[in-house]
PDB file of all heavy atoms in Angstrom:
ATOM      1  N   PHE A   1     -83.828  -9.095 -15.062  1.00  0.00           N
ATOM      2  CA  PHE A   1     -82.490  -8.485 -14.987  1.00  0.00           C
ATOM      3  C   PHE A   1     -82.351  -7.361 -16.008  1.00  0.00           C
ATOM      4  O   PHE A   1     -81.597  -6.407 -15.807  1.00  0.00           O
ATOM      5  CB  PHE A   1     -81.407  -9.529 -15.231  1.00  0.00           C
ATOM      6  CG  PHE A   1     -81.103 -10.395 -14.034  1.00  0.00           C
ATOM      7  CD1 PHE A   1     -81.474 -11.731 -14.000  1.00  0.00           C
ATOM      8  CD2 PHE A   1     -80.440  -9.871 -12.929  1.00  0.00           C
ATOM      9  CE1 PHE A   1     -81.184 -12.528 -12.903  1.00  0.00           C
ATOM     10  CE2 PHE A   1     -80.141 -10.652 -11.825  1.00  0.00           C
ATOM     11  CZ  PHE A   1     -80.523 -11.984 -11.806  1.00  0.00           C
ATOM     12  N   TYR A   2     -83.065  -7.496 -17.121  1.00  0.00           N
ATOM     13  CA  TYR A   2     -82.927  -6.555 -18.234  1.00  0.00           C
ATOM     14  C   TYR A   2     -84.089  -5.560 -18.320  1.00  0.00           C
ATOM     15  O   TYR A   2     -83.954  -4.507 -18.944  1.00  0.00           O
ATOM     16  CB  TYR A   2     -82.828  -7.329 -19.553  1.00  0.00           C
ATOM     17  CG  TYR A   2     -81.675  -8.299 -19.567  1.00  0.00           C
ATOM     18  CD1 TYR A   2     -81.825  -9.600 -19.075  1.00  0.00           C
ATOM     19  CD2 TYR A   2     -80.424  -7.919 -20.036  1.00  0.00           C
ATOM     20  CE1 TYR A   2     -80.762 -10.494 -19.069  1.00  0.00           C
ATOM     21  CE2 TYR A   2     -79.359  -8.802 -20.037  1.00  0.00           C
ATOM     22  CZ  TYR A   2     -79.532 -10.094 -19.546  1.00  0.00           C
ATOM     23  OH  TYR A   2     -78.472 -10.970 -19.525  1.00  0.00           O
ATOM     24  N   GLN A   3     -85.222  -5.927 -17.728  1.00  0.00           N
ATOM     25  CA  GLN A   3     -86.403  -5.070 -17.783  1.00  0.00           C
ATOM     26  C   GLN A   3     -87.014  -4.963 -16.387  1.00  0.00           C
ATOM     27  O   GLN A   3     -87.380  -5.980 -15.792  1.00  0.00           O
ATOM     28  CB  GLN A   3     -87.447  -5.647 -18.752  1.00  0.00           C
ATOM     29  CG  GLN A   3     -86.974  -5.714 -20.195  1.00  0.00           C
ATOM     30  CD  GLN A   3     -87.992  -6.381 -21.106  1.00  0.00           C
ATOM     31  OE1 GLN A   3     -88.780  -7.220 -20.674  1.00  0.00           O
ATOM     32  NE2 GLN A   3     -87.982  -5.998 -22.383  1.00  0.00           N
ATOM     33  N   SER A   4     -87.121  -3.748 -15.871  1.00  0.00           N
ATOM     34  CA  SER A   4     -87.719  -3.579 -14.544  1.00  0.00           C
ATOM     35  C   SER A   4     -89.204  -3.882 -14.614  1.00  0.00           C
ATOM     36  O   SER A   4     -89.858  -3.585 -15.620  1.00  0.00           O
ATOM     37  CB  SER A   4     -87.496  -2.152 -14.042  1.00  0.00           C
ATOM     38  OG  SER A   4     -88.089  -1.229 -14.932  1.00  0.00           O
ATOM     39  N   PRO A   5     -89.749  -4.511 -13.573  1.00  0.00           N
ATOM     40  CA  PRO A   5     -91.167  -4.884 -13.601  1.00  0.00           C
ATOM     41  C   PRO A   5     -92.077  -3.662 -13.617  1.00  0.00           C
ATOM     42  O   PRO A   5     -91.862  -2.704 -12.873  1.00  0.00           O
ATOM     43  CB  PRO A   5     -91.338  -5.697 -12.312  1.00  0.00           C
ATOM     44  CG  PRO A   5     -90.228  -5.269 -11.425  1.00  0.00           C
ATOM     45  CD  PRO A   5     -89.086  -4.923 -12.330  1.00  0.00           C
ATOM     46  N   LYS A   6     -93.075  -3.708 -14.498  1.00  0.00           N
ATOM     47  CA  LYS A   6     -94.085  -2.650 -14.548  1.00  0.00           C
ATOM     48  C   LYS A   6     -95.399  -3.131 -13.933  1.00  0.00           C
ATOM     49  O   LYS A   6     -96.227  -2.333 -13.508  1.00  0.00           O
ATOM     50  CB  LYS A   6     -94.323  -2.210 -15.998  1.00  0.00           C
ATOM     51  CG  LYS A   6     -93.077  -1.677 -16.692  1.00  0.00           C
ATOM     52  CD  LYS A   6     -92.440  -0.535 -15.914  1.00  0.00           C
ATOM     53  CE  LYS A   6     -91.159  -0.052 -16.574  1.00  0.00           C
ATOM     54  NZ  LYS A   6     -90.431   0.908 -15.701  1.00  0.00           N
ATOM     55  N   ASP A   7     -95.566  -4.436 -13.935  1.00  0.00           N
ATOM     56  CA  ASP A   7     -96.739  -5.052 -13.316  1.00  0.00           C
ATOM     57  C   ASP A   7     -96.254  -6.103 -12.327  1.00  0.00           C
ATOM     58  O   ASP A   7     -95.108  -6.563 -12.403  1.00  0.00           O
ATOM     59  CB  ASP A   7     -97.630  -5.700 -14.381  1.00  0.00           C
ATOM     60  CG  ASP A   7     -98.183  -4.676 -15.344  1.00  0.00           C
ATOM     61  OD1 ASP A   7     -98.920  -3.782 -14.879  1.00  0.00           O
ATOM     62  OD2 ASP A   7     -97.875  -4.771 -16.556  1.00  0.00           O
ATOM     63  N   PHE A   8     -97.142  -6.492 -11.419  1.00  0.00           N
ATOM     64  CA  PHE A   8     -96.750  -7.409 -10.355  1.00  0.00           C
ATOM     65  C   PHE A   8     -97.735  -8.576 -10.274  1.00  0.00           C
ATOM     66  O   PHE A   8     -98.939  -8.391 -10.471  1.00  0.00           O
ATOM     67  CB  PHE A   8     -96.679  -6.669  -9.017  1.00  0.00           C
ATOM     68  CG  PHE A   8     -95.674  -5.556  -9.003  1.00  0.00           C
ATOM     69  CD1 PHE A   8     -96.023  -4.274  -9.415  1.00  0.00           C
ATOM     70  CD2 PHE A   8     -94.364  -5.796  -8.616  1.00  0.00           C
ATOM     71  CE1 PHE A   8     -95.096  -3.241  -9.422  1.00  0.00           C
ATOM     72  CE2 PHE A   8     -93.428  -4.773  -8.617  1.00  0.00           C
ATOM     73  CZ  PHE A   8     -93.791  -3.497  -9.031  1.00  0.00           C
ATOM     74  N   ASP A   9     -97.189  -9.745 -10.005  1.00  0.00           N
ATOM     75  CA  ASP A   9     -97.995 -10.950  -9.889  1.00  0.00           C
ATOM     76  C   ASP A   9     -99.059 -10.774  -8.803  1.00  0.00           C
ATOM     77  O   ASP A   9     -98.737 -10.440  -7.651  1.00  0.00           O
ATOM     78  CB  ASP A   9     -97.096 -12.145  -9.560  1.00  0.00           C
ATOM     79  CG  ASP A   9     -97.864 -13.441  -9.456  1.00  0.00           C
ATOM     80  OD1 ASP A   9     -98.197 -14.012 -10.505  1.00  0.00           O
ATOM     81  OD2 ASP A   9     -98.145 -13.866  -8.312  1.00  0.00           O
ATOM     82  N   VAL A  10    -100.313 -10.987  -9.174  1.00  0.00           N
ATOM     83  CA  VAL A  10    -101.435 -10.705  -8.266  1.00  0.00           C
ATOM     84  C   VAL A  10    -101.368 -11.545  -6.999  1.00  0.00           C
ATOM     85  O   VAL A  10    -101.533 -11.036  -5.882  1.00  0.00           O
ATOM     86  CB  VAL A  10    -102.780 -10.937  -8.998  1.00  0.00           C
ATOM     87  CG1 VAL A  10    -103.948 -10.768  -8.023  1.00  0.00           C
ATOM     88  CG2 VAL A  10    -102.911  -9.979 -10.169  1.00  0.00           C
ATOM     89  N   LYS A  11    -101.104 -12.828  -7.146  1.00  0.00           N
ATOM     90  CA  LYS A  11    -101.034 -13.718  -5.977  1.00  0.00           C
ATOM     91  C   LYS A  11     -99.882 -13.331  -5.068  1.00  0.00           C
ATOM     92  O   LYS A  11     -99.996 -13.366  -3.836  1.00  0.00           O
ATOM     93  CB  LYS A  11    -100.884 -15.169  -6.428  1.00  0.00           C
ATOM     94  CG  LYS A  11    -102.139 -15.753  -7.034  1.00  0.00           C
ATOM     95  CD  LYS A  11    -101.938 -17.227  -7.361  1.00  0.00           C
ATOM     96  CE  LYS A  11    -103.224 -17.837  -7.940  1.00  0.00           C
ATOM     97  NZ  LYS A  11    -103.036 -19.271  -8.282  1.00  0.00           N
ATOM     98  N   ALA A  12     -98.756 -12.954  -5.682  1.00  0.00           N
ATOM     99  CA  ALA A  12     -97.591 -12.562  -4.887  1.00  0.00           C
ATOM    100  C   ALA A  12     -97.870 -11.273  -4.113  1.00  0.00           C
ATOM    101  O   ALA A  12     -97.476 -11.129  -2.949  1.00  0.00           O
ATOM    102  CB  ALA A  12     -96.380 -12.388  -5.796  1.00  0.00           C
ATOM    103  N   VAL A  13     -98.555 -10.336  -4.747  1.00  0.00           N
ATOM    104  CA  VAL A  13     -98.899  -9.076  -4.081  1.00  0.00           C
ATOM    105  C   VAL A  13     -99.790  -9.348  -2.879  1.00  0.00           C
ATOM    106  O   VAL A  13     -99.589  -8.795  -1.778  1.00  0.00           O
ATOM    107  CB  VAL A  13     -99.606  -8.117  -5.073  1.00  0.00           C
ATOM    108  CG1 VAL A  13    -100.192  -6.918  -4.327  1.00  0.00           C
ATOM    109  CG2 VAL A  13     -98.643  -7.656  -6.152  1.00  0.00           C
ATOM    110  N   LYS A  14    -100.793 -10.195  -3.076  1.00  0.00           N
ATOM    111  CA  LYS A  14    -101.724 -10.504  -1.993  1.00  0.00           C
ATOM    112  C   LYS A  14    -100.999 -11.144  -0.804  1.00  0.00           C
ATOM    113  O   LYS A  14    -101.333 -10.894   0.361  1.00  0.00           O
ATOM    114  CB  LYS A  14    -102.793 -11.466  -2.534  1.00  0.00           C
ATOM    115  CG  LYS A  14    -104.062 -11.517  -1.703  1.00  0.00           C
ATOM    116  CD  LYS A  14    -105.137 -12.359  -2.388  1.00  0.00           C
ATOM    117  CE  LYS A  14    -105.868 -11.532  -3.426  1.00  0.00           C
ATOM    118  NZ  LYS A  14    -107.067 -12.269  -3.965  1.00  0.00           N
ATOM    119  N   LYS A  15     -99.967 -11.936  -1.112  1.00  0.00           N
ATOM    120  CA  LYS A  15     -99.229 -12.630  -0.059  1.00  0.00           C
ATOM    121  C   LYS A  15     -98.184 -11.732   0.609  1.00  0.00           C
ATOM    122  O   LYS A  15     -97.983 -11.796   1.830  1.00  0.00           O
ATOM    123  CB  LYS A  15     -98.539 -13.868  -0.658  1.00  0.00           C
ATOM    124  CG  LYS A  15     -97.725 -14.665   0.341  1.00  0.00           C
ATOM    125  CD  LYS A  15     -97.072 -15.875  -0.335  1.00  0.00           C
ATOM    126  CE  LYS A  15     -96.245 -16.673   0.677  1.00  0.00           C
ATOM    127  NZ  LYS A  15     -95.573 -17.831   0.041  1.00  0.00           N
ATOM    128  N   ALA A  16     -97.506 -10.899  -0.165  1.00  0.00           N
ATOM    129  CA  ALA A  16     -96.322 -10.205   0.354  1.00  0.00           C
ATOM    130  C   ALA A  16     -96.559  -8.734   0.734  1.00  0.00           C
ATOM    131  O   ALA A  16     -95.815  -8.188   1.551  1.00  0.00           O
ATOM    132  CB  ALA A  16     -95.192 -10.292  -0.676  1.00  0.00           C
ATOM    133  N   TRP A  17     -97.558  -8.107   0.131  1.00  0.00           N
ATOM    134  CA  TRP A  17     -97.690  -6.651   0.337  1.00  0.00           C
ATOM    135  C   TRP A  17     -98.861  -6.354   1.282  1.00  0.00           C
ATOM    136  O   TRP A  17    -100.021  -6.423   0.911  1.00  0.00           O
ATOM    137  CB  TRP A  17     -97.898  -5.942  -1.002  1.00  0.00           C
ATOM    138  CG  TRP A  17     -97.437  -4.512  -0.963  1.00  0.00           C
ATOM    139  CD1 TRP A  17     -98.163  -3.417  -0.575  1.00  0.00           C
ATOM    140  CD2 TRP A  17     -96.140  -4.026  -1.292  1.00  0.00           C
ATOM    141  NE1 TRP A  17     -97.404  -2.281  -0.630  1.00  0.00           N
ATOM    142  CE2 TRP A  17     -96.144  -2.624  -1.077  1.00  0.00           C
ATOM    143  CE3 TRP A  17     -94.952  -4.619  -1.732  1.00  0.00           C
ATOM    144  CZ2 TRP A  17     -95.038  -1.813  -1.298  1.00  0.00           C
ATOM    145  CZ3 TRP A  17     -93.854  -3.815  -1.959  1.00  0.00           C
ATOM    146  CH2 TRP A  17     -93.895  -2.432  -1.747  1.00  0.00           C
ATOM    147  N   LYS A  18     -98.516  -5.989   2.529  1.00  0.00           N
ATOM    148  CA  LYS A  18     -99.519  -5.708   3.561  1.00  0.00           C
ATOM    149  C   LYS A  18     -99.621  -4.197   3.797  1.00  0.00           C
ATOM    150  O   LYS A  18     -98.963  -3.409   3.133  1.00  0.00           O
ATOM    151  CB  LYS A  18     -99.144  -6.430   4.860  1.00  0.00           C
ATOM    152  CG  LYS A  18     -98.852  -7.923   4.706  1.00  0.00           C
ATOM    153  CD  LYS A  18    -100.045  -8.701   4.170  1.00  0.00           C
ATOM    154  CE  LYS A  18     -99.738 -10.193   4.045  1.00  0.00           C
ATOM    155  NZ  LYS A  18    -100.861 -10.960   3.459  1.00  0.00           N
ATOM    156  N   GLU A  19    -100.444  -3.843   4.769  1.00  0.00           N
ATOM    157  CA  GLU A  19    -100.673  -2.420   5.057  1.00  0.00           C
ATOM    158  C   GLU A  19     -99.401  -1.686   5.458  1.00  0.00           C
ATOM    159  O   GLU A  19     -99.207  -0.514   5.137  1.00  0.00           O
ATOM    160  CB  GLU A  19    -101.738  -2.261   6.157  1.00  0.00           C
ATOM    161  CG  GLU A  19    -103.147  -2.546   5.685  1.00  0.00           C
ATOM    162  CD  GLU A  19    -104.174  -2.219   6.749  1.00  0.00           C
ATOM    163  OE1 GLU A  19    -103.815  -1.484   7.691  1.00  0.00           O
ATOM    164  OE2 GLU A  19    -105.311  -2.690   6.640  1.00  0.00           O
ATOM    165  N   ASP A  20     -98.545  -2.371   6.213  1.00  0.00           N
ATOM    166  CA  ASP A  20     -97.325  -1.718   6.706  1.00  0.00           C
ATOM    167  C   ASP A  20     -96.119  -1.919   5.788  1.00  0.00           C
ATOM    168  O   ASP A  20     -95.010  -1.481   6.093  1.00  0.00           O
ATOM    169  CB  ASP A  20     -96.988  -2.217   8.116  1.00  0.00           C
ATOM    170  CG  ASP A  20     -96.779  -3.735   8.144  1.00  0.00           C
ATOM    171  OD1 ASP A  20     -97.160  -4.418   7.165  1.00  0.00           O
ATOM    172  OD2 ASP A  20     -96.241  -4.251   9.152  1.00  0.00           O
ATOM    173  N   THR A  21     -96.321  -2.596   4.663  1.00  0.00           N
ATOM    174  CA  THR A  21     -95.184  -2.937   3.793  1.00  0.00           C
ATOM    175  C   THR A  21     -94.526  -1.689   3.201  1.00  0.00           C
ATOM    176  O   THR A  21     -93.292  -1.606   3.114  1.00  0.00           O
ATOM    177  CB  THR A  21     -95.619  -3.887   2.665  1.00  0.00           C
ATOM    178  OG1 THR A  21     -96.141  -5.091   3.232  1.00  0.00           O
ATOM    179  CG2 THR A  21     -94.449  -4.234   1.760  1.00  0.00           C
ATOM    180  N   ALA A  22     -95.330  -0.716   2.786  1.00  0.00           N
ATOM    181  CA  ALA A  22     -94.752   0.486   2.183  1.00  0.00           C
ATOM    182  C   ALA A  22     -93.800   1.189   3.131  1.00  0.00           C
ATOM    183  O   ALA A  22     -92.705   1.634   2.732  1.00  0.00           O
ATOM    184  CB  ALA A  22     -95.868   1.431   1.740  1.00  0.00           C
ATOM    185  N   ALA A  23     -94.189   1.295   4.401  1.00  0.00           N
ATOM    186  CA  ALA A  23     -93.332   1.938   5.404  1.00  0.00           C
ATOM    187  C   ALA A  23     -92.035   1.157   5.588  1.00  0.00           C
ATOM    188  O   ALA A  23     -90.944   1.747   5.699  1.00  0.00           O
ATOM    189  CB  ALA A  23     -94.085   2.045   6.728  1.00  0.00           C
ATOM    190  N   ILE A  24     -92.175  -0.163   5.646  1.00  0.00           N
ATOM    191  CA  ILE A  24     -90.988  -1.012   5.806  1.00  0.00           C
ATOM    192  C   ILE A  24     -90.053  -0.835   4.612  1.00  0.00           C
ATOM    193  O   ILE A  24     -88.832  -0.686   4.771  1.00  0.00           O
ATOM    194  CB  ILE A  24     -91.400  -2.498   5.955  1.00  0.00           C
ATOM    195  CG1 ILE A  24     -92.126  -2.710   7.295  1.00  0.00           C
ATOM    196  CG2 ILE A  24     -90.183  -3.420   5.841  1.00  0.00           C
ATOM    197  CD1 ILE A  24     -92.739  -4.085   7.446  1.00  0.00           C
ATOM    198  N   MET A  25     -90.613  -0.819   3.399  1.00  0.00           N
ATOM    199  CA  MET A  25     -89.774  -0.720   2.211  1.00  0.00           C
ATOM    200  C   MET A  25     -89.131   0.653   2.073  1.00  0.00           C
ATOM    201  O   MET A  25     -88.030   0.786   1.538  1.00  0.00           O
ATOM    202  CB  MET A  25     -90.590  -1.059   0.954  1.00  0.00           C
ATOM    203  CG  MET A  25     -91.115  -2.498   0.922  1.00  0.00           C
ATOM    204  SD  MET A  25     -89.869  -3.752   1.330  1.00  0.00           S
ATOM    205  CE  MET A  25     -88.800  -3.617  -0.073  1.00  0.00           C
ATOM    206  N   ASN A  26     -89.790   1.683   2.601  1.00  0.00           N
ATOM    207  CA  ASN A  26     -89.158   3.008   2.618  1.00  0.00           C
ATOM    208  C   ASN A  26     -87.898   2.996   3.474  1.00  0.00           C
ATOM    209  O   ASN A  26     -86.887   3.637   3.134  1.00  0.00           O
ATOM    210  CB  ASN A  26     -90.137   4.062   3.134  1.00  0.00           C
ATOM    211  CG  ASN A  26     -91.034   4.596   2.022  1.00  0.00           C
ATOM    212  OD1 ASN A  26     -90.569   4.844   0.916  1.00  0.00           O
ATOM    213  ND2 ASN A  26     -92.313   4.776   2.325  1.00  0.00           N
ATOM    214  N   GLU A  27     -87.956   2.241   4.561  1.00  0.00           N
ATOM    215  CA  GLU A  27     -86.766   2.124   5.426  1.00  0.00           C
ATOM    216  C   GLU A  27     -85.692   1.301   4.731  1.00  0.00           C
ATOM    217  O   GLU A  27     -84.497   1.571   4.870  1.00  0.00           O
ATOM    218  CB  GLU A  27     -87.147   1.500   6.762  1.00  0.00           C
ATOM    219  CG  GLU A  27     -88.005   2.399   7.655  1.00  0.00           C
ATOM    220  CD  GLU A  27     -88.115   1.881   9.068  1.00  0.00           C
ATOM    221  OE1 GLU A  27     -87.043   1.654   9.694  1.00  0.00           O
ATOM    222  OE2 GLU A  27     -89.253   1.685   9.534  1.00  0.00           O
ATOM    223  N   VAL A  28     -86.116   0.276   3.987  1.00  0.00           N
ATOM    224  CA  VAL A  28     -85.155  -0.545   3.233  1.00  0.00           C
ATOM    225  C   VAL A  28     -84.399   0.324   2.227  1.00  0.00           C
ATOM    226  O   VAL A  28     -83.183   0.170   2.039  1.00  0.00           O
ATOM    227  CB  VAL A  28     -85.874  -1.717   2.520  1.00  0.00           C
ATOM    228  CG1 VAL A  28     -84.937  -2.408   1.523  1.00  0.00           C
ATOM    229  CG2 VAL A  28     -86.390  -2.730   3.532  1.00  0.00           C
ATOM    230  N   VAL A  29     -85.106   1.229   1.596  1.00  0.00           N
ATOM    231  CA  VAL A  29     -84.468   2.138   0.634  1.00  0.00           C
ATOM    232  C   VAL A  29     -83.364   2.931   1.331  1.00  0.00           C
ATOM    233  O   VAL A  29     -82.250   3.086   0.787  1.00  0.00           O
ATOM    234  CB  VAL A  29     -85.516   3.090   0.019  1.00  0.00           C
ATOM    235  CG1 VAL A  29     -84.820   4.226  -0.735  1.00  0.00           C
ATOM    236  CG2 VAL A  29     -86.438   2.326  -0.915  1.00  0.00           C
ATOM    237  N   ILE A  30     -83.645   3.442   2.535  1.00  0.00           N
ATOM    238  CA  ILE A  30     -82.649   4.215   3.278  1.00  0.00           C
ATOM    239  C   ILE A  30     -81.445   3.352   3.625  1.00  0.00           C
ATOM    240  O   ILE A  30     -80.284   3.770   3.460  1.00  0.00           O
ATOM    241  CB  ILE A  30     -83.277   4.807   4.558  1.00  0.00           C
ATOM    242  CG1 ILE A  30     -84.372   5.820   4.176  1.00  0.00           C
ATOM    243  CG2 ILE A  30     -82.217   5.467   5.428  1.00  0.00           C
ATOM    244  CD1 ILE A  30     -85.202   6.283   5.351  1.00  0.00           C
ATOM    245  N   ILE A  31     -81.715   2.111   4.108  1.00  0.00           N
ATOM    246  CA  ILE A  31     -80.621   1.187   4.474  1.00  0.00           C
ATOM    247  C   ILE A  31     -79.730   0.927   3.254  1.00  0.00           C
ATOM    248  O   ILE A  31     -78.500   1.014   3.325  1.00  0.00           O
ATOM    249  CB  ILE A  31     -81.175  -0.147   5.020  1.00  0.00           C
ATOM    250  CG1 ILE A  31     -81.977   0.070   6.308  1.00  0.00           C
ATOM    251  CG2 ILE A  31     -80.032  -1.152   5.254  1.00  0.00           C
ATOM    252  CD1 ILE A  31     -81.180   0.656   7.456  1.00  0.00           C
ATOM    253  N   LEU A  32     -80.349   0.599   2.122  1.00  0.00           N
ATOM    254  CA  LEU A  32     -79.575   0.264   0.923  1.00  0.00           C
ATOM    255  C   LEU A  32     -78.814   1.473   0.380  1.00  0.00           C
ATOM    256  O   LEU A  32     -77.690   1.342  -0.102  1.00  0.00           O
ATOM    257  CB  LEU A  32     -80.513  -0.287  -0.165  1.00  0.00           C
ATOM    258  CG  LEU A  32     -81.148  -1.658   0.124  1.00  0.00           C
ATOM    259  CD1 LEU A  32     -82.134  -2.027  -0.979  1.00  0.00           C
ATOM    260  CD2 LEU A  32     -80.083  -2.735   0.256  1.00  0.00           C
ATOM    261  N   ASP A  33     -79.434   2.632   0.469  1.00  0.00           N
ATOM    262  CA  ASP A  33     -78.783   3.845  -0.027  1.00  0.00           C
ATOM    263  C   ASP A  33     -77.512   4.156   0.757  1.00  0.00           C
ATOM    264  O   ASP A  33     -76.583   4.777   0.236  1.00  0.00           O
ATOM    265  CB  ASP A  33     -79.762   5.015   0.043  1.00  0.00           C
ATOM    266  CG  ASP A  33     -79.318   6.178  -0.839  1.00  0.00           C
ATOM    267  OD1 ASP A  33     -78.539   5.934  -1.785  1.00  0.00           O
ATOM    268  OD2 ASP A  33     -79.739   7.306  -0.574  1.00  0.00           O
ATOM    269  N   ASN A  34     -77.481   3.710   2.005  1.00  0.00           N
ATOM    270  CA  ASN A  34     -76.327   3.971   2.870  1.00  0.00           C
ATOM    271  C   ASN A  34     -75.235   2.909   2.765  1.00  0.00           C
ATOM    272  O   ASN A  34     -74.194   3.027   3.429  1.00  0.00           O
ATOM    273  CB  ASN A  34     -76.780   4.095   4.328  1.00  0.00           C
ATOM    274  CG  ASN A  34     -77.532   5.394   4.574  1.00  0.00           C
ATOM    275  OD1 ASN A  34     -77.234   6.418   3.956  1.00  0.00           O
ATOM    276  ND2 ASN A  34     -78.507   5.359   5.480  1.00  0.00           N
ATOM    277  N   VAL A  35     -75.476   1.847   1.957  1.00  0.00           N
ATOM    278  CA  VAL A  35     -74.440   0.823   1.761  1.00  0.00           C
ATOM    279  C   VAL A  35     -73.463   1.359   0.722  1.00  0.00           C
ATOM    280  O   VAL A  35     -73.786   1.464  -0.461  1.00  0.00           O
ATOM    281  CB  VAL A  35     -75.050  -0.518   1.288  1.00  0.00           C
ATOM    282  CG1 VAL A  35     -73.929  -1.539   1.037  1.00  0.00           C
ATOM    283  CG2 VAL A  35     -76.024  -1.066   2.317  1.00  0.00           C
ATOM    284  N   SER A  36     -72.286   1.719   1.160  1.00  0.00           N
ATOM    285  CA  SER A  36     -71.324   2.350   0.250  1.00  0.00           C
ATOM    286  C   SER A  36     -70.706   1.343  -0.721  1.00  0.00           C
ATOM    287  O   SER A  36     -70.505   1.630  -1.898  1.00  0.00           O
ATOM    288  CB  SER A  36     -70.234   3.058   1.052  1.00  0.00           C
ATOM    289  OG  SER A  36     -69.600   2.149   1.937  1.00  0.00           O
ATOM    290  N   ASN A  37     -70.374   0.167  -0.211  1.00  0.00           N
ATOM    291  CA  ASN A  37     -69.775  -0.878  -1.049  1.00  0.00           C
ATOM    292  C   ASN A  37     -70.881  -1.873  -1.405  1.00  0.00           C
ATOM    293  O   ASN A  37     -71.155  -2.794  -0.643  1.00  0.00           O
ATOM    294  CB  ASN A  37     -68.634  -1.567  -0.294  1.00  0.00           C
ATOM    295  CG  ASN A  37     -67.822  -2.482  -1.201  1.00  0.00           C
ATOM    296  OD1 ASN A  37     -67.814  -2.305  -2.420  1.00  0.00           O
ATOM    297  ND2 ASN A  37     -67.161  -3.454  -0.599  1.00  0.00           N
TER     298      ASN A  37
END
């Protein structure tokens, strides 16, 4: 909450971050940016 992550848990990355994840997360950024409230 107080410090943004600079490194990421290796096991979690292997489980959660796939080839298409970056594209999906780019879309998430757009969705969240458009949430006004």
